[in-house]
Amino acid sequence: MQCNKFESCCQNGCRMGKFTGTMHEYSLARALLRQVEEVVRLEGAAAATSVAVTIGEFSGVEPDLLQTAFADVAGQSLLVTGELLIEKVALEARCESCSHEFAVERFRFVCPQCESGSVKVLRGEEMMLERVVLEAK
């Protein structure tokens, strides 16, 4: 039940003063829901039965909060009836000095091979919609 006292509060997960998530994840969940609903419409499907995303370790997105927020906002949609599957992507980088690719551990952006601090992030900053499974009409 929502109090509807403040529109933005209720849209972001407040349930009668008991906030259940963050505005950031709720905003992302609503944007993801709009994307999925658009795919359903464009493909002429009845609904989306499964949605898969990848979330990078350094993306700033908390997977558990996104899962909760998506379930909450998708519960109000007739076009998205399935679950959100989340695959976490590790933070990986390449050394600009020696070209060594490595997993960044404890957010230490230093090449373990040559100790250079000149590195480029390859993976782990993204949030991507990977797959939408559709139900035919």
C-alpha atoms as a PDB file:
ATOM      1  CA  MET A   1       0.000   0.000   0.000  1.00  0.00           C
ATOM      2  CA  GLN A   2       1.305   3.440  -0.896  1.00  0.00           C
ATOM      3  CA  CYS A   3       0.501   6.641   0.916  1.00  0.00           C
ATOM      4  CA  ASN A   4       0.875   8.715  -2.295  1.00  0.00           C
ATOM      5  CA  LYS A   5       1.826  11.653  -0.138  1.00  0.00           C
ATOM      6  CA  PHE A   6       4.842  12.459  -2.309  1.00  0.00           C
ATOM      7  CA  GLU A   7       4.815  11.133  -5.872  1.00  0.00           C
ATOM      8  CA  SER A   8       8.584  10.703  -6.174  1.00  0.00           C
ATOM      9  CA  CYS A   9       8.793   8.932  -2.823  1.00  0.00           C
ATOM     10  CA  CYS A  10       6.161   6.347  -3.750  1.00  0.00           C
ATOM     11  CA  GLN A  11       7.725   5.806  -7.180  1.00  0.00           C
ATOM     12  CA  ASN A  12      11.071   5.118  -5.535  1.00  0.00           C
ATOM     13  CA  GLY A  13       9.989   2.407  -3.155  1.00  0.00           C
ATOM     14  CA  CYS A  14       8.484   4.028  -0.072  1.00  0.00           C
ATOM     15  CA  ARG A  15       5.751   1.900   1.413  1.00  0.00           C
ATOM     16  CA  MET A  16       3.901   4.004   3.974  1.00  0.00           C
ATOM     17  CA  GLY A  17       7.123   5.607   5.197  1.00  0.00           C
ATOM     18  CA  LYS A  18       9.134   2.388   5.076  1.00  0.00           C
ATOM     19  CA  PHE A  19      11.656   2.924   2.293  1.00  0.00           C
ATOM     20  CA  THR A  20      12.605  -0.453   0.764  1.00  0.00           C
ATOM     21  CA  GLY A  21      15.328   0.472  -1.717  1.00  0.00           C
ATOM     22  CA  THR A  22      17.373   3.291  -3.114  1.00  0.00           C
ATOM     23  CA  MET A  23      16.208   5.883  -5.587  1.00  0.00           C
ATOM     24  CA  HIS A  24      19.131   4.925  -7.835  1.00  0.00           C
ATOM     25  CA  GLU A  25      18.117   1.276  -8.205  1.00  0.00           C
ATOM     26  CA  TYR A  26      14.417   2.162  -8.527  1.00  0.00           C
ATOM     27  CA  SER A  27      15.242   4.638 -11.315  1.00  0.00           C
ATOM     28  CA  LEU A  28      17.284   1.956 -13.072  1.00  0.00           C
ATOM     29  CA  ALA A  29      14.530  -0.627 -12.582  1.00  0.00           C
ATOM     30  CA  ARG A  30      11.934   1.695 -14.117  1.00  0.00           C
ATOM     31  CA  ALA A  31      14.239   2.468 -17.076  1.00  0.00           C
ATOM     32  CA  LEU A  32      14.919  -1.255 -17.556  1.00  0.00           C
ATOM     33  CA  LEU A  33      11.188  -2.010 -17.380  1.00  0.00           C
ATOM     34  CA  ARG A  34      10.493   0.619 -20.072  1.00  0.00           C
ATOM     35  CA  GLN A  35      13.163  -0.959 -22.309  1.00  0.00           C
ATOM     36  CA  VAL A  36      11.735  -4.440 -21.853  1.00  0.00           C
ATOM     37  CA  GLU A  37       8.163  -3.271 -22.451  1.00  0.00           C
ATOM     38  CA  GLU A  38       9.344  -1.617 -25.678  1.00  0.00           C
ATOM     39  CA  VAL A  39      10.941  -4.905 -26.818  1.00  0.00           C
ATOM     40  CA  VAL A  40       7.667  -6.741 -26.064  1.00  0.00           C
ATOM     41  CA  ARG A  41       5.688  -4.202 -28.126  1.00  0.00           C
ATOM     42  CA  LEU A  42       8.137  -4.130 -31.054  1.00  0.00           C
ATOM     43  CA  GLU A  43       8.227  -7.921 -31.273  1.00  0.00           C
ATOM     44  CA  GLY A  44       4.448  -8.246 -30.966  1.00  0.00           C
ATOM     45  CA  ALA A  45       4.755 -10.576 -28.004  1.00  0.00           C
ATOM     46  CA  ALA A  46       2.317 -11.184 -25.177  1.00  0.00           C
ATOM     47  CA  ALA A  47       4.848 -10.626 -22.398  1.00  0.00           C
ATOM     48  CA  ALA A  48       8.472 -10.944 -21.303  1.00  0.00           C
ATOM     49  CA  THR A  49       8.924 -14.056 -19.183  1.00  0.00           C
ATOM     50  CA  SER A  50      12.586 -13.509 -18.327  1.00  0.00           C
ATOM     51  CA  VAL A  51      14.976 -10.568 -18.392  1.00  0.00           C
ATOM     52  CA  ALA A  52      18.758 -10.991 -18.105  1.00  0.00           C
ATOM     53  CA  VAL A  53      21.235  -8.232 -17.328  1.00  0.00           C
ATOM     54  CA  THR A  54      24.937  -8.028 -16.568  1.00  0.00           C
ATOM     55  CA  ILE A  55      26.081  -5.694 -13.819  1.00  0.00           C
ATOM     56  CA  GLY A  56      29.696  -4.698 -13.391  1.00  0.00           C
ATOM     57  CA  GLU A  57      31.308  -4.756  -9.973  1.00  0.00           C
ATOM     58  CA  PHE A  58      32.289  -1.078 -10.409  1.00  0.00           C
ATOM     59  CA  SER A  59      28.988   0.056 -11.996  1.00  0.00           C
ATOM     60  CA  GLY A  60      27.580   1.621  -8.854  1.00  0.00           C
ATOM     61  CA  VAL A  61      24.550  -0.681  -9.016  1.00  0.00           C
ATOM     62  CA  GLU A  62      23.726  -2.891  -6.056  1.00  0.00           C
ATOM     63  CA  PRO A  63      22.404  -6.158  -7.624  1.00  0.00           C
ATOM     64  CA  ASP A  64      20.205  -7.182  -4.675  1.00  0.00           C
ATOM     65  CA  LEU A  65      18.553  -3.756  -4.506  1.00  0.00           C
ATOM     66  CA  LEU A  66      18.000  -3.767  -8.285  1.00  0.00           C
ATOM     67  CA  GLN A  67      16.419  -7.237  -8.018  1.00  0.00           C
ATOM     68  CA  THR A  68      14.006  -5.976  -5.362  1.00  0.00           C
ATOM     69  CA  ALA A  69      13.249  -2.743  -7.203  1.00  0.00           C
ATOM     70  CA  PHE A  70      12.616  -4.554 -10.515  1.00  0.00           C
ATOM     71  CA  ALA A  71      10.261  -7.050  -8.889  1.00  0.00           C
ATOM     72  CA  ASP A  72       8.383  -4.139  -7.345  1.00  0.00           C
ATOM     73  CA  VAL A  73       8.007  -2.041 -10.519  1.00  0.00           C
ATOM     74  CA  ALA A  74       7.446  -5.039 -12.815  1.00  0.00           C
ATOM     75  CA  GLY A  75       4.585  -6.118 -10.548  1.00  0.00           C
ATOM     76  CA  GLN A  76       2.648  -3.166 -11.952  1.00  0.00           C
ATOM     77  CA  SER A  77       3.257  -4.187 -15.588  1.00  0.00           C
ATOM     78  CA  LEU A  78       1.089  -6.467 -17.703  1.00  0.00           C
ATOM     79  CA  LEU A  79       3.908  -6.908 -20.231  1.00  0.00           C
ATOM     80  CA  VAL A  80       6.630  -8.209 -17.901  1.00  0.00           C
ATOM     81  CA  THR A  81       5.627 -11.320 -16.009  1.00  0.00           C
ATOM     82  CA  GLY A  82       8.954 -13.016 -15.398  1.00  0.00           C
ATOM     83  CA  GLU A  83      12.056 -12.797 -13.334  1.00  0.00           C
ATOM     84  CA  LEU A  84      15.168 -10.658 -13.528  1.00  0.00           C
ATOM     85  CA  LEU A  85      18.357 -12.695 -13.895  1.00  0.00           C
ATOM     86  CA  ILE A  86      21.530 -10.868 -12.899  1.00  0.00           C
ATOM     87  CA  GLU A  87      25.054 -11.879 -13.873  1.00  0.00           C
ATOM     88  CA  LYS A  88      27.806 -10.032 -12.036  1.00  0.00           C
ATOM     89  CA  VAL A  89      30.852  -8.949 -14.049  1.00  0.00           C
ATOM     90  CA  ALA A  90      34.240  -8.699 -12.338  1.00  0.00           C
ATOM     91  CA  LEU A  91      36.333  -5.554 -12.617  1.00  0.00           C
ATOM     92  CA  GLU A  92      39.119  -6.154 -15.155  1.00  0.00           C
ATOM     93  CA  ALA A  93      41.787  -3.854 -16.547  1.00  0.00           C
ATOM     94  CA  ARG A  94      44.699  -3.738 -19.020  1.00  0.00           C
ATOM     95  CA  CYS A  95      48.054  -2.187 -18.248  1.00  0.00           C
ATOM     96  CA  GLU A  96      48.899   0.607 -20.693  1.00  0.00           C
ATOM     97  CA  SER A  97      52.630  -0.064 -20.156  1.00  0.00           C
ATOM     98  CA  CYS A  98      52.957  -3.845 -20.589  1.00  0.00           C
ATOM     99  CA  SER A  99      49.486  -4.823 -21.976  1.00  0.00           C
ATOM    100  CA  HIS A 100      48.895  -7.309 -19.157  1.00  0.00           C
ATOM    101  CA  GLU A 101      45.188  -7.935 -18.483  1.00  0.00           C
ATOM    102  CA  PHE A 102      44.233  -8.572 -14.877  1.00  0.00           C
ATOM    103  CA  ALA A 103      41.374  -8.670 -12.390  1.00  0.00           C
ATOM    104  CA  VAL A 104      41.326  -5.562 -10.217  1.00  0.00           C
ATOM    105  CA  GLU A 105      41.253  -6.655  -6.583  1.00  0.00           C
ATOM    106  CA  ARG A 106      40.288  -4.388  -3.669  1.00  0.00           C
ATOM    107  CA  PHE A 107      40.055  -1.534  -6.210  1.00  0.00           C
ATOM    108  CA  ARG A 108      43.847  -1.430  -6.575  1.00  0.00           C
ATOM    109  CA  PHE A 109      44.356  -0.051 -10.078  1.00  0.00           C
ATOM    110  CA  VAL A 110      48.010  -1.065 -10.352  1.00  0.00           C
ATOM    111  CA  CYS A 111      49.383  -3.680 -12.745  1.00  0.00           C
ATOM    112  CA  PRO A 112      50.453  -6.759 -10.762  1.00  0.00           C
ATOM    113  CA  GLN A 113      53.096  -7.569 -13.403  1.00  0.00           C
ATOM    114  CA  CYS A 114      54.979  -4.264 -13.815  1.00  0.00           C
ATOM    115  CA  GLU A 115      53.485  -2.131 -10.993  1.00  0.00           C
ATOM    116  CA  SER A 116      52.406   0.609 -13.422  1.00  0.00           C
ATOM    117  CA  GLY A 117      49.462   2.739 -12.392  1.00  0.00           C
ATOM    118  CA  SER A 118      48.611   3.466 -16.016  1.00  0.00           C
ATOM    119  CA  VAL A 119      45.701   1.074 -16.557  1.00  0.00           C
ATOM    120  CA  LYS A 120      42.503   1.065 -18.581  1.00  0.00           C
ATOM    121  CA  VAL A 121      39.311  -0.583 -17.305  1.00  0.00           C
ATOM    122  CA  LEU A 122      38.061  -3.255 -19.740  1.00  0.00           C
ATOM    123  CA  ARG A 123      35.030  -4.669 -17.925  1.00  0.00           C
ATOM    124  CA  GLY A 124      33.122  -4.184 -14.751  1.00  0.00           C
ATOM    125  CA  GLU A 125      31.686  -0.673 -15.096  1.00  0.00           C
ATOM    126  CA  GLU A 126      28.651  -1.622 -17.178  1.00  0.00           C
ATOM    127  CA  MET A 127      25.029  -2.510 -16.722  1.00  0.00           C
ATOM    128  CA  MET A 128      23.704  -4.144 -19.883  1.00  0.00           C
ATOM    129  CA  LEU A 129      20.396  -5.640 -20.938  1.00  0.00           C
ATOM    130  CA  GLU A 130      21.570  -8.957 -22.364  1.00  0.00           C
ATOM    131  CA  ARG A 131      18.448 -11.004 -23.090  1.00  0.00           C
ATOM    132  CA  VAL A 132      14.668 -10.821 -23.018  1.00  0.00           C
ATOM    133  CA  VAL A 133      12.684 -14.062 -23.302  1.00  0.00           C
ATOM    134  CA  LEU A 134       9.290 -13.431 -24.839  1.00  0.00           C
ATOM    135  CA  GLU A 135       5.963 -15.237 -24.698  1.00  0.00           C
ATOM    136  CA  ALA A 136       4.146 -15.393 -28.039  1.00  0.00           C
ATOM    137  CA  LYS A 137       0.601 -14.037 -28.336  1.00  0.00           C
END
